[in-house]
Each structure stands twice: as structure tokens, then as C-alpha cells.
Amino acid sequence: MFPRPMTAGDFTCLYCGSRLELKLEQLVIGENRGFCPMCGEPFCLKLSKEDMEGLFESEELLSR
């Protein structure tokens, strides 16, 4: 169990472990591709509709 719900900013690089600095507005259902800001390695996040709903809910909870 996580101490708080996961947000878009919590995604990390599998190579170096640094945060990918993602914003919820940048993410879409399906494949999200980019490069790690620290090591430059490519990443691919595959998000479902349920994943996106969870991210929206967690962002809403944290903004209260």
C-alpha cells in the first residue's frame, strides 16, 4: 500500500530512478512516450482508462 495515491509526477525512470516530471495534462489513454530528463533514455507508459481515472482522482484529492 502506498502512503498516498499515485500521481502523474510519481512516475520514475526504470534506468536511473529519477522522476520523469510528467504532468497529468500531458498524459493520454494508451501509449505515452518520451525521454528521461536525467539520463535521456526513452520511456513508454501504457495507461488504461481506469489508470487515468485513478490519476485524476489522486490529483483531485491532493489539491484539496
Protein backbone atom coordinates (compact mmCIF):
# COMPACT_ATOMS: atom_id res chain seq x y z
CA MET A 1 0.00 0.00 0.00
CA PHE A 2 1.24 3.48 -0.89
CA PRO A 3 1.29 6.29 1.72
CA ARG A 4 -0.80 8.38 -0.70
CA PRO A 5 -2.40 7.85 -4.11
CA MET A 6 -0.01 7.84 -7.06
CA THR A 7 0.08 10.99 -9.20
CA ALA A 8 1.49 11.68 -12.66
CA GLY A 9 4.59 13.19 -11.05
CA ASP A 10 5.39 9.92 -9.27
CA PHE A 11 6.41 8.01 -12.41
CA THR A 12 10.15 7.30 -12.42
CA CYS A 13 12.74 6.16 -14.94
CA LEU A 14 13.45 2.43 -14.87
CA TYR A 15 17.13 3.05 -15.69
CA CYS A 16 18.22 5.80 -13.31
CA GLY A 17 15.27 6.10 -10.89
CA SER A 18 14.74 9.84 -11.34
CA ARG A 19 11.27 11.33 -11.68
CA LEU A 20 10.03 11.77 -15.24
CA GLU A 21 8.47 15.15 -14.34
CA LEU A 22 5.16 14.27 -16.03
CA LYS A 23 2.06 16.41 -15.71
CA LEU A 24 -1.45 14.97 -15.82
CA GLU A 25 -2.29 17.25 -18.76
CA GLN A 26 0.46 15.58 -20.82
CA LEU A 27 -0.86 12.04 -20.39
CA VAL A 28 -3.34 10.25 -22.64
CA ILE A 29 -5.06 6.87 -22.60
CA GLY A 30 -2.79 4.45 -24.45
CA GLU A 31 0.94 4.90 -25.05
CA ASN A 32 2.80 7.87 -23.61
CA ARG A 33 6.37 8.14 -24.87
CA GLY A 34 9.22 10.45 -24.00
CA PHE A 35 12.76 10.67 -22.68
CA CYS A 36 14.03 10.77 -19.11
CA PRO A 37 15.16 14.32 -18.25
CA MET A 38 18.19 12.99 -16.33
CA CYS A 39 19.65 10.10 -18.35
CA GLY A 40 17.96 10.63 -21.72
CA GLU A 41 16.70 7.05 -22.00
CA PRO A 42 13.34 6.62 -23.75
CA PHE A 43 10.28 5.54 -21.79
CA CYS A 44 6.82 4.28 -22.70
CA LEU A 45 3.86 4.33 -20.32
CA LYS A 46 0.73 2.45 -21.31
CA LEU A 47 -2.27 3.81 -19.43
CA SER A 48 -5.79 2.44 -19.49
CA LYS A 49 -8.99 4.38 -18.89
CA GLU A 50 -9.01 3.07 -15.30
CA ASP A 51 -5.40 4.22 -14.79
CA MET A 52 -6.29 7.73 -15.97
CA GLU A 53 -9.37 7.86 -13.73
CA GLY A 54 -7.17 6.90 -10.76
CA LEU A 55 -4.67 9.63 -11.62
CA PHE A 56 -7.44 12.23 -11.92
CA GLU A 57 -8.87 11.17 -8.55
CA SER A 58 -5.48 11.32 -6.81
CA GLU A 59 -4.71 14.77 -8.26
CA GLU A 60 -8.13 15.95 -7.08
CA LEU A 61 -7.55 14.57 -3.57
CA LEU A 62 -4.16 16.25 -3.28
CA SER A 63 -5.43 19.61 -4.48
CA ARG A 64 -7.94 19.83 -1.61
